[in-house]
C-alpha atoms as a PDB file:
ATOM      1  CA  MET A   1      -0.050   0.013  -0.018  1.00  0.00           C
ATOM      2  CA  SER A   2       1.335   3.298  -0.933  1.00  0.00           C
ATOM      3  CA  GLU A   3       2.039   5.826   1.921  1.00  0.00           C
ATOM      4  CA  ASN A   4       0.790   8.760  -0.044  1.00  0.00           C
ATOM      5  CA  THR A   5      -2.129   8.621  -2.464  1.00  0.00           C
ATOM      6  CA  SER A   6      -2.219  12.445  -3.099  1.00  0.00           C
ATOM      7  CA  LYS A   7       0.134  14.606  -4.869  1.00  0.00           C
ATOM      8  CA  GLU A   8      -0.415  17.384  -2.373  1.00  0.00           C
ATOM      9  CA  VAL A   9       2.118  17.182   0.447  1.00  0.00           C
ATOM     10  CA  TYR A  10       2.851  20.279   2.693  1.00  0.00           C
ATOM     11  CA  SER A  11       4.639  20.796   5.875  1.00  0.00           C
ATOM     12  CA  LEU A  12       2.664  21.605   8.946  1.00  0.00           C
ATOM     13  CA  SER A  13       4.198  24.913   9.095  1.00  0.00           C
ATOM     14  CA  HIS A  14       3.084  25.832   5.663  1.00  0.00           C
ATOM     15  CA  PHE A  15      -0.541  24.514   6.356  1.00  0.00           C
ATOM     16  CA  LYS A  16      -0.616  26.838   9.405  1.00  0.00           C
ATOM     17  CA  LEU A  17       0.447  29.823   7.296  1.00  0.00           C
ATOM     18  CA  HIS A  18      -1.887  29.172   4.379  1.00  0.00           C
ATOM     19  CA  ALA A  19      -4.817  27.078   5.905  1.00  0.00           C
ATOM     20  CA  SER A  20      -7.527  29.234   4.188  1.00  0.00           C
ATOM     21  CA  ASP A  21      -6.075  28.595   0.638  1.00  0.00           C
ATOM     22  CA  LEU A  22      -5.521  24.931   1.298  1.00  0.00           C
ATOM     23  CA  PHE A  23      -8.911  24.378   2.614  1.00  0.00           C
ATOM     24  CA  ARG A  24     -10.390  25.842  -0.602  1.00  0.00           C
ATOM     25  CA  GLU A  25      -8.049  23.547  -2.571  1.00  0.00           C
ATOM     26  CA  ILE A  26      -9.350  20.523  -0.518  1.00  0.00           C
ATOM     27  CA  ARG A  27     -12.883  21.263  -1.085  1.00  0.00           C
ATOM     28  CA  ALA A  28     -12.363  22.006  -4.863  1.00  0.00           C
ATOM     29  CA  SER A  29     -10.467  18.837  -5.600  1.00  0.00           C
ATOM     30  CA  GLY A  30     -11.977  16.422  -3.107  1.00  0.00           C
ATOM     31  CA  GLN A  31      -8.394  15.004  -2.646  1.00  0.00           C
ATOM     32  CA  PRO A  32      -6.650  14.802   0.733  1.00  0.00           C
ATOM     33  CA  LEU A  33      -3.590  16.800   1.879  1.00  0.00           C
ATOM     34  CA  TRP A  34      -0.806  15.111   3.527  1.00  0.00           C
ATOM     35  CA  LEU A  35       1.054  17.268   6.159  1.00  0.00           C
ATOM     36  CA  THR A  36       4.530  16.441   7.172  1.00  0.00           C
ATOM     37  CA  VAL A  37       6.216  17.035  10.647  1.00  0.00           C
ATOM     38  CA  ASN A  38       9.980  16.987  10.512  1.00  0.00           C
ATOM     39  CA  GLY A  39       9.834  15.743   6.851  1.00  0.00           C
ATOM     40  CA  LYS A  40       7.659  12.759   7.659  1.00  0.00           C
ATOM     41  CA  GLY A  41       4.022  12.266   6.622  1.00  0.00           C
ATOM     42  CA  LYS A  42       1.917  12.555   9.863  1.00  0.00           C
ATOM     43  CA  ILE A  43      -1.427  14.035   9.198  1.00  0.00           C
ATOM     44  CA  VAL A  44      -4.018  13.672   6.441  1.00  0.00           C
ATOM     45  CA  ILE A  45      -6.658  16.329   5.987  1.00  0.00           C
ATOM     46  CA  GLN A  46      -9.676  15.662   3.923  1.00  0.00           C
ATOM     47  CA  ASP A  47     -13.086  17.348   3.386  1.00  0.00           C
ATOM     48  CA  ALA A  48     -16.008  15.767   5.174  1.00  0.00           C
ATOM     49  CA  ALA A  49     -17.940  14.777   1.953  1.00  0.00           C
ATOM     50  CA  SER A  50     -14.852  12.872   0.473  1.00  0.00           C
ATOM     51  CA  TYR A  51     -14.254  11.318   3.935  1.00  0.00           C
ATOM     52  CA  GLN A  52     -17.859   9.970   4.074  1.00  0.00           C
ATOM     53  CA  LYS A  53     -17.534   8.679   0.557  1.00  0.00           C
ATOM     54  CA  LEU A  54     -14.480   6.817   1.719  1.00  0.00           C
ATOM     55  CA  LEU A  55     -16.188   5.287   4.806  1.00  0.00           C
ATOM     56  CA  ASP A  56     -19.171   4.242   2.578  1.00  0.00           C
ATOM     57  CA  GLN A  57     -16.734   2.378   0.204  1.00  0.00           C
ATOM     58  CA  VAL A  58     -15.020   0.714   3.189  1.00  0.00           C
ATOM     59  CA  ASP A  59     -18.592  -0.499   4.388  1.00  0.00           C
ATOM     60  CA  VAL A  60     -19.096  -1.961   0.891  1.00  0.00           C
ATOM     61  CA  LEU A  61     -15.857  -3.707   0.674  1.00  0.00           C
ATOM     62  CA  GLN A  62     -16.336  -5.168   4.277  1.00  0.00           C
ATOM     63  CA  SER A  63     -19.776  -6.572   3.179  1.00  0.00           C
ATOM     64  CA  LEU A  64     -18.318  -8.143   0.062  1.00  0.00           C
ATOM     65  CA  ILE A  65     -15.469  -9.756   2.149  1.00  0.00           C
ATOM     66  CA  GLY A  66     -18.318 -11.097   4.449  1.00  0.00           C
ATOM     67  CA  ILE A  67     -20.152 -12.553   1.502  1.00  0.00           C
ATOM     68  CA  ARG A  68     -17.197 -14.000  -0.134  1.00  0.00           C
ATOM     69  CA  ARG A  69     -16.128 -15.745   3.174  1.00  0.00           C
ATOM     70  CA  GLY A  70     -19.862 -17.014   3.485  1.00  0.00           C
ATOM     71  CA  LEU A  71     -19.825 -18.443  -0.060  1.00  0.00           C
ATOM     72  CA  ALA A  72     -16.439 -20.078   0.628  1.00  0.00           C
ATOM     73  CA  ASP A  73     -17.875 -21.733   3.659  1.00  0.00           C
ATOM     74  CA  VAL A  74     -20.848 -23.014   1.776  1.00  0.00           C
ATOM     75  CA  ALA A  75     -18.559 -24.327  -1.051  1.00  0.00           C
ATOM     76  CA  ALA A  76     -16.450 -26.082   1.613  1.00  0.00           C
ATOM     77  CA  GLY A  77     -19.381 -27.649   3.359  1.00  0.00           C
ATOM     78  CA  ARG A  78     -19.228 -25.498   6.439  1.00  0.00           C
ATOM     79  CA  ALA A  79     -22.953 -24.596   6.395  1.00  0.00           C
ATOM     80  CA  THR A  80     -26.022 -25.656   8.226  1.00  0.00           C
ATOM     81  CA  SER A  81     -29.568 -25.604   6.843  1.00  0.00           C
ATOM     82  CA  MET A  82     -32.047 -23.256   8.458  1.00  0.00           C
ATOM     83  CA  ARG A  83     -34.145 -26.124   9.765  1.00  0.00           C
ATOM     84  CA  SER A  84     -31.046 -27.764  11.553  1.00  0.00           C
ATOM     85  CA  PHE A  85     -30.090 -24.454  12.988  1.00  0.00           C
ATOM     86  CA  GLU A  86     -33.624 -23.843  14.339  1.00  0.00           C
ATOM     87  CA  LYS A  87     -33.863 -27.250  15.673  1.00  0.00           C
ATOM     88  CA  GLU A  88     -30.478 -26.971  17.604  1.00  0.00           C
ATOM     89  CA  PHE A  89     -31.295 -23.357  18.593  1.00  0.00           C
ATOM     90  CA  ARG A  90     -34.566 -24.292  20.171  1.00  0.00           C
ATOM     91  CA  LYS A  91     -33.034 -27.378  21.928  1.00  0.00           C
ATOM     92  CA  ARG A  92     -30.304 -25.349  23.555  1.00  0.00           C
ATOM     93  CA  ARG A  93     -32.623 -22.824  24.817  1.00  0.00           C
ATOM     94  CA  ASP A  94     -35.417 -25.259  25.728  1.00  0.00           C
ATOM     95  CA  LEU A  95     -37.935 -23.454  23.529  1.00  0.00           C
ATOM     96  CA  ARG A  96     -41.040 -25.177  22.232  1.00  0.00           C
ATOM     97  CA  ARG A  97     -41.556 -25.335  18.443  1.00  0.00           C
ATOM     98  CA  ARG A  98     -43.856 -22.550  17.288  1.00  0.00           C
ATOM     99  CA  ALA A  99     -46.993 -23.354  15.515  1.00  0.00           C
ATOM    100  CA  ARG A 100     -47.240 -22.897  11.830  1.00  0.00           C
END
């Protein structure tokens, strides 16, 4: 994974002096800014809409990973029918079978 996905890298000192201009740049481009402290990338600044979009993409990817794992379990025979699950669930909790 790349350390820096943005072409915009500034020192924290530069950011402090030019914050208004850099905020406008962030909003216009939708790209994050990387800030350095002592020459090393330490802080990423991003506008809220772009950050939310990133979080939404992470949610989708996590869902896809879960689906892929589930499909792999089914393909490997690590699955239980709903009927078997319900029977074991009711047995463990001493529940009566519901009327249908």
